[in-house]
């Protein structure tokens, strides 16, 4: 006879979707965002790795005692607040035995929200891709007709990519400038 406690449940294997409010709440804190961002890449990490990652993101240029104090604060907030909240939302699981935190299927669903560009932010990858495809089409068309010398096409292509790169550099500098 099979013990009912060991019988598989009839629940769906799909995780419950998070409400909009839960998503906003979970992503409202920069430390939770840093943890999720790290876990999106690594899938699983030791707790101390997550602490180090958050400290690295927060402590640009800090050394010695300042960094040690920051690490203690990050450790405490992740241990007592942020990781338990992510566990309660079924976004991560924590294995207390080997002190590892892993992202769940529900957690993976947050990736587009975390990495989505806010309105008004240029999609630079689209700009570079469109420019590359455009120049390939122009080069193929004009080259097959023999209307313009190839070196002019290459110079135009290089100039266009230079302008887009300078625009991207300027945008990044302006975005990350101290306020």
Protein backbone atom coordinates (compact mmCIF):
# COMPACT_ATOMS: atom_id res chain seq x y z
CA UNK A 1 0.00 0.00 0.00
CA UNK A 2 1.27 3.47 -0.92
CA UNK A 3 1.48 6.05 1.80
CA UNK A 4 -0.63 9.10 0.81
CA UNK A 5 2.12 11.45 1.94
CA UNK A 6 4.42 10.06 -0.75
CA UNK A 7 1.86 10.10 -3.55
CA UNK A 8 2.54 12.80 -6.15
CA UNK A 9 0.19 15.72 -5.96
CA UNK A 10 -2.09 16.63 -8.83
CA UNK A 11 -0.90 20.20 -8.84
CA UNK A 12 0.28 21.68 -12.09
CA UNK A 13 4.01 21.88 -12.62
CA UNK A 14 3.62 25.50 -13.69
CA UNK A 15 4.45 27.94 -10.90
CA UNK A 16 1.79 30.39 -9.80
CA UNK A 17 2.16 33.73 -11.57
CA UNK A 18 3.12 36.70 -9.47
CA UNK A 19 0.75 39.62 -9.31
CA UNK A 20 1.81 42.99 -10.67
CA UNK A 21 2.10 44.32 -7.11
CA UNK A 22 4.32 41.40 -6.08
CA UNK A 23 6.60 41.97 -9.08
CA UNK A 24 6.84 45.70 -8.32
CA UNK A 25 7.52 45.01 -4.67
CA UNK A 26 10.17 42.36 -5.31
CA UNK A 27 11.99 44.56 -7.82
CA UNK A 28 11.65 47.75 -5.78
CA UNK A 29 14.80 47.11 -3.76
CA UNK A 30 18.23 47.39 -5.38
CA UNK A 31 19.69 44.56 -3.29
CA UNK A 32 16.96 42.16 -4.38
CA UNK A 33 17.50 43.29 -7.97
CA UNK A 34 21.25 42.65 -7.64
CA UNK A 35 20.62 39.15 -6.24
CA UNK A 36 18.16 38.31 -9.02
CA UNK A 37 20.45 39.71 -11.68
CA UNK A 38 23.30 37.52 -10.42
CA UNK A 39 21.09 34.44 -10.24
CA UNK A 40 19.78 35.01 -13.77
CA UNK A 41 23.35 34.49 -14.95
CA UNK A 42 24.56 31.84 -12.51
CA UNK A 43 21.27 29.98 -11.73
CA UNK A 44 22.63 29.09 -8.28
CA UNK A 45 25.18 30.60 -5.90
CA UNK A 46 26.46 30.32 -2.39
CA UNK A 47 25.04 32.92 -0.05
CA UNK A 48 28.48 34.48 0.45
CA UNK A 49 28.82 34.91 -3.35
CA UNK A 50 25.55 36.86 -3.41
CA UNK A 51 26.74 39.04 -0.55
CA UNK A 52 30.02 39.74 -2.37
CA UNK A 53 28.17 40.57 -5.59
CA UNK A 54 25.86 43.06 -3.87
CA UNK A 55 28.80 44.61 -2.00
CA UNK A 56 30.73 44.97 -5.28
CA UNK A 57 27.77 46.76 -6.86
CA UNK A 58 27.27 49.10 -3.93
CA UNK A 59 30.82 49.88 -2.89
CA UNK A 60 32.53 51.47 -5.86
CA UNK A 61 35.89 52.62 -4.57
CA UNK A 62 35.39 51.72 -0.90
CA UNK A 63 38.29 50.06 0.83
CA UNK A 64 39.13 48.52 4.18
CA UNK A 65 36.80 49.26 7.08
CA UNK A 66 34.15 50.92 4.92
CA UNK A 67 33.89 47.85 2.73
CA UNK A 68 33.85 45.55 5.75
CA UNK A 69 31.03 47.57 7.32
CA UNK A 70 29.13 47.49 4.03
CA UNK A 71 29.59 43.71 3.80
CA UNK A 72 28.19 43.24 7.31
CA UNK A 73 25.17 45.40 6.48
CA UNK A 74 24.54 43.61 3.18
CA UNK A 75 24.93 40.19 4.82
CA UNK A 76 22.40 41.06 7.52
CA UNK A 77 19.85 42.57 5.13
CA UNK A 78 20.08 39.68 2.67
CA UNK A 79 19.95 37.05 5.41
CA UNK A 80 17.16 38.60 7.48
CA UNK A 81 15.02 40.36 4.88
CA UNK A 82 15.64 40.04 1.16
CA UNK A 83 16.36 36.34 0.65
CA UNK A 84 13.43 35.31 2.91
CA UNK A 85 11.11 37.61 0.93
CA UNK A 86 12.30 36.08 -2.35
CA UNK A 87 11.84 32.59 -0.87
CA UNK A 88 8.32 33.45 0.35
CA UNK A 89 7.43 34.62 -3.17
CA UNK A 90 8.82 31.34 -4.60
CA UNK A 91 11.33 33.31 -6.66
CA UNK A 92 14.36 31.58 -5.12
CA UNK A 93 14.96 28.54 -2.95
CA UNK A 94 17.56 28.39 -0.24
CA UNK A 95 19.27 25.17 0.71
CA UNK A 96 20.31 25.65 4.32
CA UNK A 97 22.56 22.57 4.28
CA UNK A 98 25.02 23.85 1.69
CA UNK A 99 24.05 27.52 2.06
CA UNK A 100 23.10 27.89 -1.63
CA UNK A 101 20.43 30.05 -3.19
CA UNK A 102 18.92 29.04 -6.54
CA UNK A 103 16.48 30.78 -8.81
CA UNK A 104 13.15 29.08 -9.52
CA UNK A 105 10.99 29.05 -12.64
CA UNK A 106 8.93 31.83 -11.08
CA UNK A 107 12.13 33.81 -10.53
CA UNK A 108 13.20 33.36 -14.15
CA UNK A 109 9.95 34.98 -15.19
CA UNK A 110 11.14 38.24 -13.59
CA UNK A 111 14.10 38.55 -15.97
CA UNK A 112 12.29 40.62 -18.64
CA UNK A 113 11.04 43.05 -15.99
CA UNK A 114 14.48 43.46 -14.48
CA UNK A 115 16.29 44.03 -17.75
CA UNK A 116 13.58 45.93 -19.61
CA UNK A 117 14.53 49.41 -20.73
CA UNK A 118 12.29 52.14 -19.36
CA UNK A 119 10.33 54.26 -21.87
CA UNK A 120 12.46 56.82 -23.67
CA UNK A 121 15.68 54.82 -23.41
CA UNK A 122 17.25 54.07 -26.79
CA UNK A 123 17.52 50.41 -27.75
CA UNK A 124 21.15 50.55 -28.86
CA UNK A 125 21.33 46.90 -29.83
CA UNK A 126 18.49 47.53 -32.29
CA UNK A 127 20.23 50.62 -33.67
CA UNK A 128 23.50 48.75 -34.30
CA UNK A 129 21.72 45.72 -35.77
CA UNK A 130 19.55 47.85 -38.09
CA UNK A 131 22.60 49.78 -39.20
CA UNK A 132 24.53 46.57 -39.95
CA UNK A 133 21.66 45.06 -41.91
CA UNK A 134 21.10 48.33 -43.77
CA UNK A 135 24.74 48.65 -44.78
CA UNK A 136 24.86 45.03 -45.92
CA UNK A 137 21.82 45.61 -48.12
CA UNK A 138 23.17 48.90 -49.52
CA UNK A 139 26.60 47.41 -50.15
CA UNK A 140 25.16 44.35 -51.89
CA UNK A 141 22.84 46.44 -54.04
CA UNK A 142 25.28 49.16 -55.01
CA UNK A 143 28.21 46.80 -55.44
CA UNK A 144 26.23 44.60 -57.81
CA UNK A 145 25.41 47.69 -59.90
CA UNK A 146 28.99 48.96 -59.76
CA UNK A 147 27.79 52.55 -59.32
CA UNK A 148 29.92 53.55 -56.32
CA UNK A 149 33.50 52.45 -55.61
CA UNK A 150 33.77 49.91 -52.80
CA UNK A 151 36.10 52.09 -50.74
CA UNK A 152 33.38 54.81 -50.58
CA UNK A 153 30.90 52.25 -49.31
CA UNK A 154 33.36 51.09 -46.67
CA UNK A 155 34.09 54.68 -45.66
CA UNK A 156 30.36 55.43 -45.37
CA UNK A 157 29.78 52.29 -43.34
CA UNK A 158 32.68 53.10 -41.00
CA UNK A 159 31.49 56.71 -40.59
CA UNK A 160 27.94 55.58 -39.77
CA UNK A 161 29.14 53.08 -37.16
CA UNK A 162 31.49 55.71 -35.72
CA UNK A 163 28.59 58.17 -35.35
CA UNK A 164 26.37 55.55 -33.70
CA UNK A 165 29.20 54.51 -31.37
CA UNK A 166 29.88 58.13 -30.38
CA UNK A 167 26.15 58.58 -29.72
CA UNK A 168 26.12 55.47 -27.56
CA UNK A 169 29.23 56.59 -25.66
CA UNK A 170 27.71 60.04 -25.09
CA UNK A 171 24.44 58.51 -23.88
CA UNK A 172 26.23 56.16 -21.44
CA UNK A 173 28.40 58.97 -20.07
CA UNK A 174 25.38 61.22 -19.58
CA UNK A 175 23.38 58.40 -17.96
CA UNK A 176 26.11 57.49 -15.48
CA UNK A 177 27.34 61.00 -14.75
CA UNK A 178 27.29 62.02 -11.07
CA UNK A 179 24.24 64.08 -10.24
